[in-house]
Amino acid sequence: MIAEEPKKYKNFKFIPGCEFLFLDNNSGFRFPAFEAVGLGFNPFSQRIAEILKDINSIDIIKKLVNKNAVFSYAHPIRYYFTGNGVTAEFIKYLRKIGINGIESNYQYVGYKDTPEMISQKQHIQKIAKENNFFETGGTDTHGKNIFRPFAQTYLDKLI
């Protein structure tokens, strides 16, 4: 998209990273698994592989935040449709473990901009504002090929 219409997307910034699945059985939540997108690092870097080796999943957040990465809670709208919701307690938990962003806009396969979806997006944006979370958006594309070779320029500069 960007390559086809660069003027239209001149204010877009590519920020590499990857999505993590976290399971924290000590969280106290009924559904202890959640996903977060780590941003600001090259997920294919050998240095990152070394950092992530032999640590538990929640510690990944602290290790990468110490290397200037940031984390955004991934596709919270999907959790509404599975019945988990986004509670004030869960937001406090995210903040405590080092996540301070929330994905408020994304193109997730199978979800359309129905009135219910638009309402949920607005609710997530309100949560972001009330909790001083930065907002992210994404494609939820799993794999490194989506922006290649465009992304390689940026990935080569990061840890």
C-alpha atoms as a PDB file:
ATOM      1  CA  MET A   1       0.000   0.000   0.000  1.00  0.00           C
ATOM      2  CA  ILE A   2       2.678   2.465   1.045  1.00  0.00           C
ATOM      3  CA  ALA A   3       4.845   1.707  -1.992  1.00  0.00           C
ATOM      4  CA  GLU A   4       1.881   2.219  -4.323  1.00  0.00           C
ATOM      5  CA  GLU A   5       0.797   5.555  -2.806  1.00  0.00           C
ATOM      6  CA  PRO A   6       3.743   7.044  -0.888  1.00  0.00           C
ATOM      7  CA  LYS A   7       2.318  10.580  -0.759  1.00  0.00           C
ATOM      8  CA  LYS A   8      -0.909   9.362   0.803  1.00  0.00           C
ATOM      9  CA  TYR A   9       1.000   7.550   3.542  1.00  0.00           C
ATOM     10  CA  LYS A  10       3.853  10.022   4.036  1.00  0.00           C
ATOM     11  CA  ASN A  11       3.095  10.387   7.756  1.00  0.00           C
ATOM     12  CA  PHE A  12       3.057   6.644   8.437  1.00  0.00           C
ATOM     13  CA  LYS A  13       6.012   5.262  10.303  1.00  0.00           C
ATOM     14  CA  PHE A  14       7.075   1.654  10.137  1.00  0.00           C
ATOM     15  CA  ILE A  15       7.899   0.326  13.604  1.00  0.00           C
ATOM     16  CA  PRO A  16       9.123  -3.265  13.596  1.00  0.00           C
ATOM     17  CA  GLY A  17       8.494  -5.733  16.369  1.00  0.00           C
ATOM     18  CA  CYS A  18       6.534  -8.894  16.978  1.00  0.00           C
ATOM     19  CA  GLU A  19       3.532 -10.252  18.802  1.00  0.00           C
ATOM     20  CA  PHE A  20       4.019 -12.366  21.908  1.00  0.00           C
ATOM     21  CA  LEU A  21       1.613 -14.755  23.574  1.00  0.00           C
ATOM     22  CA  PHE A  22       1.917 -14.505  27.342  1.00  0.00           C
ATOM     23  CA  LEU A  23       0.631 -16.951  29.907  1.00  0.00           C
ATOM     24  CA  ASP A  24       0.798 -15.773  33.498  1.00  0.00           C
ATOM     25  CA  ASN A  25      -0.865 -18.338  35.743  1.00  0.00           C
ATOM     26  CA  ASN A  26       0.031 -16.140  38.718  1.00  0.00           C
ATOM     27  CA  SER A  27      -1.953 -13.166  37.394  1.00  0.00           C
ATOM     28  CA  GLY A  28      -5.108 -14.134  39.266  1.00  0.00           C
ATOM     29  CA  PHE A  29      -7.247 -13.734  36.153  1.00  0.00           C
ATOM     30  CA  ARG A  30      -9.665 -16.388  34.977  1.00  0.00           C
ATOM     31  CA  PHE A  31      -8.115 -16.200  31.484  1.00  0.00           C
ATOM     32  CA  PRO A  32      -4.371 -15.818  32.193  1.00  0.00           C
ATOM     33  CA  ALA A  33      -3.290 -15.789  28.529  1.00  0.00           C
ATOM     34  CA  PHE A  34      -3.061 -12.594  26.495  1.00  0.00           C
ATOM     35  CA  GLU A  35      -1.110 -11.174  23.586  1.00  0.00           C
ATOM     36  CA  ALA A  36       1.010  -8.054  23.391  1.00  0.00           C
ATOM     37  CA  VAL A  37       2.965  -6.498  20.558  1.00  0.00           C
ATOM     38  CA  GLY A  38       6.557  -5.567  21.362  1.00  0.00           C
ATOM     39  CA  LEU A  39       7.699  -2.637  19.213  1.00  0.00           C
ATOM     40  CA  GLY A  40      10.994  -0.951  18.491  1.00  0.00           C
ATOM     41  CA  PHE A  41      13.337  -3.891  17.990  1.00  0.00           C
ATOM     42  CA  ASN A  42      14.342  -6.322  15.257  1.00  0.00           C
ATOM     43  CA  PRO A  43      12.604  -9.598  16.143  1.00  0.00           C
ATOM     44  CA  PHE A  44      15.024 -11.524  13.905  1.00  0.00           C
ATOM     45  CA  SER A  45      18.179 -10.176  15.525  1.00  0.00           C
ATOM     46  CA  GLN A  46      20.653 -12.619  17.040  1.00  0.00           C
ATOM     47  CA  ARG A  47      21.086 -10.189  19.984  1.00  0.00           C
ATOM     48  CA  ILE A  48      17.351 -10.345  20.670  1.00  0.00           C
ATOM     49  CA  ALA A  49      17.438 -14.146  20.483  1.00  0.00           C
ATOM     50  CA  GLU A  50      20.155 -14.120  23.155  1.00  0.00           C
ATOM     51  CA  ILE A  51      18.167 -11.733  25.368  1.00  0.00           C
ATOM     52  CA  LEU A  52      15.061 -13.898  25.132  1.00  0.00           C
ATOM     53  CA  LYS A  53      16.782 -17.215  25.721  1.00  0.00           C
ATOM     54  CA  ASP A  54      15.867 -19.071  28.901  1.00  0.00           C
ATOM     55  CA  ILE A  55      13.536 -16.512  30.504  1.00  0.00           C
ATOM     56  CA  ASN A  56       9.896 -16.781  31.414  1.00  0.00           C
ATOM     57  CA  SER A  57       7.423 -14.961  29.200  1.00  0.00           C
ATOM     58  CA  ILE A  58       6.542 -12.089  31.538  1.00  0.00           C
ATOM     59  CA  ASP A  59      10.269 -11.375  32.028  1.00  0.00           C
ATOM     60  CA  ILE A  60      10.527 -10.834  28.253  1.00  0.00           C
ATOM     61  CA  ILE A  61       8.627  -7.581  28.702  1.00  0.00           C
ATOM     62  CA  LYS A  62      11.069  -6.196  31.270  1.00  0.00           C
ATOM     63  CA  LYS A  63      14.127  -7.340  29.319  1.00  0.00           C
ATOM     64  CA  LEU A  64      12.985  -5.675  26.097  1.00  0.00           C
ATOM     65  CA  VAL A  65      11.675  -2.527  27.804  1.00  0.00           C
ATOM     66  CA  ASN A  66      15.181  -2.170  29.262  1.00  0.00           C
ATOM     67  CA  LYS A  67      16.424  -2.159  25.644  1.00  0.00           C
ATOM     68  CA  ASN A  68      13.975   0.673  24.752  1.00  0.00           C
ATOM     69  CA  ALA A  69      11.185  -1.484  23.325  1.00  0.00           C
ATOM     70  CA  VAL A  70       7.562  -0.706  24.164  1.00  0.00           C
ATOM     71  CA  PHE A  71       4.589  -3.045  24.482  1.00  0.00           C
ATOM     72  CA  SER A  72       0.987  -2.655  23.371  1.00  0.00           C
ATOM     73  CA  TYR A  73      -1.834  -4.955  24.468  1.00  0.00           C
ATOM     74  CA  ALA A  74      -2.836  -6.717  21.242  1.00  0.00           C
ATOM     75  CA  HIS A  75      -6.320  -6.777  19.724  1.00  0.00           C
ATOM     76  CA  PRO A  76      -8.414  -6.178  22.842  1.00  0.00           C
ATOM     77  CA  ILE A  77     -11.571  -6.026  20.736  1.00  0.00           C
ATOM     78  CA  ARG A  78     -11.218  -9.738  20.044  1.00  0.00           C
ATOM     79  CA  TYR A  79     -11.310 -10.382  23.784  1.00  0.00           C
ATOM     80  CA  TYR A  80     -14.729  -8.725  23.992  1.00  0.00           C
ATOM     81  CA  PHE A  81     -16.046 -11.247  21.515  1.00  0.00           C
ATOM     82  CA  THR A  82     -14.623 -14.169  23.518  1.00  0.00           C
ATOM     83  CA  GLY A  83     -16.136 -12.867  26.741  1.00  0.00           C
ATOM     84  CA  ASN A  84     -12.946 -11.765  28.498  1.00  0.00           C
ATOM     85  CA  GLY A  85     -13.485  -8.020  28.289  1.00  0.00           C
ATOM     86  CA  VAL A  86     -10.974  -5.382  29.352  1.00  0.00           C
ATOM     87  CA  THR A  87     -11.440  -4.570  33.012  1.00  0.00           C
ATOM     88  CA  ALA A  88      -9.861  -1.829  35.114  1.00  0.00           C
ATOM     89  CA  GLU A  89      -8.042  -4.553  37.073  1.00  0.00           C
ATOM     90  CA  PHE A  90      -6.600  -6.007  33.877  1.00  0.00           C
ATOM     91  CA  ILE A  91      -5.393  -2.586  32.720  1.00  0.00           C
ATOM     92  CA  LYS A  92      -3.650  -2.106  36.112  1.00  0.00           C
ATOM     93  CA  TYR A  93      -2.048  -5.526  35.698  1.00  0.00           C
ATOM     94  CA  LEU A  94      -0.780  -4.640  32.200  1.00  0.00           C
ATOM     95  CA  ARG A  95       0.744  -1.416  33.502  1.00  0.00           C
ATOM     96  CA  LYS A  96       2.389  -3.292  36.411  1.00  0.00           C
ATOM     97  CA  ILE A  97       4.145  -5.765  34.100  1.00  0.00           C
ATOM     98  CA  GLY A  98       5.391  -3.046  31.730  1.00  0.00           C
ATOM     99  CA  ILE A  99       2.731  -2.718  29.039  1.00  0.00           C
ATOM    100  CA  ASN A 100       1.608   0.854  28.474  1.00  0.00           C
ATOM    101  CA  GLY A 101      -0.055   0.766  25.082  1.00  0.00           C
ATOM    102  CA  ILE A 102      -3.201  -0.712  23.597  1.00  0.00           C
ATOM    103  CA  GLU A 103      -4.048  -1.668  20.035  1.00  0.00           C
ATOM    104  CA  SER A 104      -7.073   0.470  19.218  1.00  0.00           C
ATOM    105  CA  ASN A 105      -7.200  -0.032  15.470  1.00  0.00           C
ATOM    106  CA  TYR A 106      -6.318  -3.097  13.474  1.00  0.00           C
ATOM    107  CA  GLN A 107      -7.472  -5.137  10.532  1.00  0.00           C
ATOM    108  CA  TYR A 108      -8.175  -8.522  12.020  1.00  0.00           C
ATOM    109  CA  VAL A 109      -9.388 -11.191   9.625  1.00  0.00           C
ATOM    110  CA  GLY A 110     -13.116 -11.776   9.897  1.00  0.00           C
ATOM    111  CA  TYR A 111     -14.041  -8.526  11.671  1.00  0.00           C
ATOM    112  CA  LYS A 112     -15.833  -5.818   9.745  1.00  0.00           C
ATOM    113  CA  ASP A 113     -16.680  -2.256  10.735  1.00  0.00           C
ATOM    114  CA  THR A 114     -20.125  -3.129  12.015  1.00  0.00           C
ATOM    115  CA  PRO A 115     -21.827  -0.756  14.459  1.00  0.00           C
ATOM    116  CA  GLU A 116     -20.799  -3.111  17.275  1.00  0.00           C
ATOM    117  CA  MET A 117     -17.140  -3.097  16.140  1.00  0.00           C
ATOM    118  CA  ILE A 118     -17.108   0.689  15.816  1.00  0.00           C
ATOM    119  CA  SER A 119     -18.555   0.962  19.323  1.00  0.00           C
ATOM    120  CA  GLN A 120     -15.886  -1.413  20.681  1.00  0.00           C
ATOM    121  CA  LYS A 121     -13.088   0.554  18.959  1.00  0.00           C
ATOM    122  CA  GLN A 122     -14.407   3.767  20.497  1.00  0.00           C
ATOM    123  CA  HIS A 123     -14.498   2.084  23.900  1.00  0.00           C
ATOM    124  CA  ILE A 124     -10.866   0.937  23.531  1.00  0.00           C
ATOM    125  CA  GLN A 125      -9.848   4.470  22.514  1.00  0.00           C
ATOM    126  CA  LYS A 126     -11.580   5.772  25.653  1.00  0.00           C
ATOM    127  CA  ILE A 127      -9.714   3.215  27.801  1.00  0.00           C
ATOM    128  CA  ALA A 128      -6.440   4.327  26.192  1.00  0.00           C
ATOM    129  CA  LYS A 129      -7.126   7.976  26.945  1.00  0.00           C
ATOM    130  CA  GLU A 130      -8.286   7.355  30.527  1.00  0.00           C
ATOM    131  CA  ASN A 131      -5.211   5.234  31.300  1.00  0.00           C
ATOM    132  CA  ASN A 132      -2.656   7.291  29.394  1.00  0.00           C
ATOM    133  CA  PHE A 133      -1.869   4.344  27.099  1.00  0.00           C
ATOM    134  CA  PHE A 134      -0.419   5.034  23.680  1.00  0.00           C
ATOM    135  CA  GLU A 135      -2.533   3.649  20.821  1.00  0.00           C
ATOM    136  CA  THR A 136      -1.297   1.351  18.105  1.00  0.00           C
ATOM    137  CA  GLY A 137      -2.731  -0.291  15.026  1.00  0.00           C
ATOM    138  CA  GLY A 138      -1.594  -3.202  12.974  1.00  0.00           C
ATOM    139  CA  THR A 139      -2.332  -5.895  10.457  1.00  0.00           C
ATOM    140  CA  ASP A 140      -1.934  -8.897  12.782  1.00  0.00           C
ATOM    141  CA  THR A 141       0.068 -10.489   9.996  1.00  0.00           C
ATOM    142  CA  HIS A 142       2.227 -13.282  11.344  1.00  0.00           C
ATOM    143  CA  GLY A 143       5.436 -13.465   9.387  1.00  0.00           C
ATOM    144  CA  LYS A 144       8.308 -11.314   8.261  1.00  0.00           C
ATOM    145  CA  ASN A 145       7.422 -11.069   4.580  1.00  0.00           C
ATOM    146  CA  ILE A 146       4.646  -8.478   4.672  1.00  0.00           C
ATOM    147  CA  PHE A 147       6.871  -5.410   4.224  1.00  0.00           C
ATOM    148  CA  ARG A 148      10.036  -6.890   2.754  1.00  0.00           C
ATOM    149  CA  PRO A 149      12.280  -5.470   1.347  1.00  0.00           C
ATOM    150  CA  PHE A 150      10.926  -2.127   2.605  1.00  0.00           C
ATOM    151  CA  ALA A 151      11.288  -3.146   6.243  1.00  0.00           C
ATOM    152  CA  GLN A 152      14.798  -4.554   5.929  1.00  0.00           C
ATOM    153  CA  THR A 153      16.278  -1.042   5.926  1.00  0.00           C
ATOM    154  CA  TYR A 154      14.764  -0.407   9.363  1.00  0.00           C
ATOM    155  CA  LEU A 155      15.349  -3.852  10.788  1.00  0.00           C
ATOM    156  CA  ASP A 156      19.073  -3.695  10.007  1.00  0.00           C
ATOM    157  CA  LYS A 157      19.431  -0.562  12.181  1.00  0.00           C
ATOM    158  CA  LEU A 158      17.821  -2.042  15.293  1.00  0.00           C
ATOM    159  CA  ILE A 159      19.051  -4.452  17.935  1.00  0.00           C
END
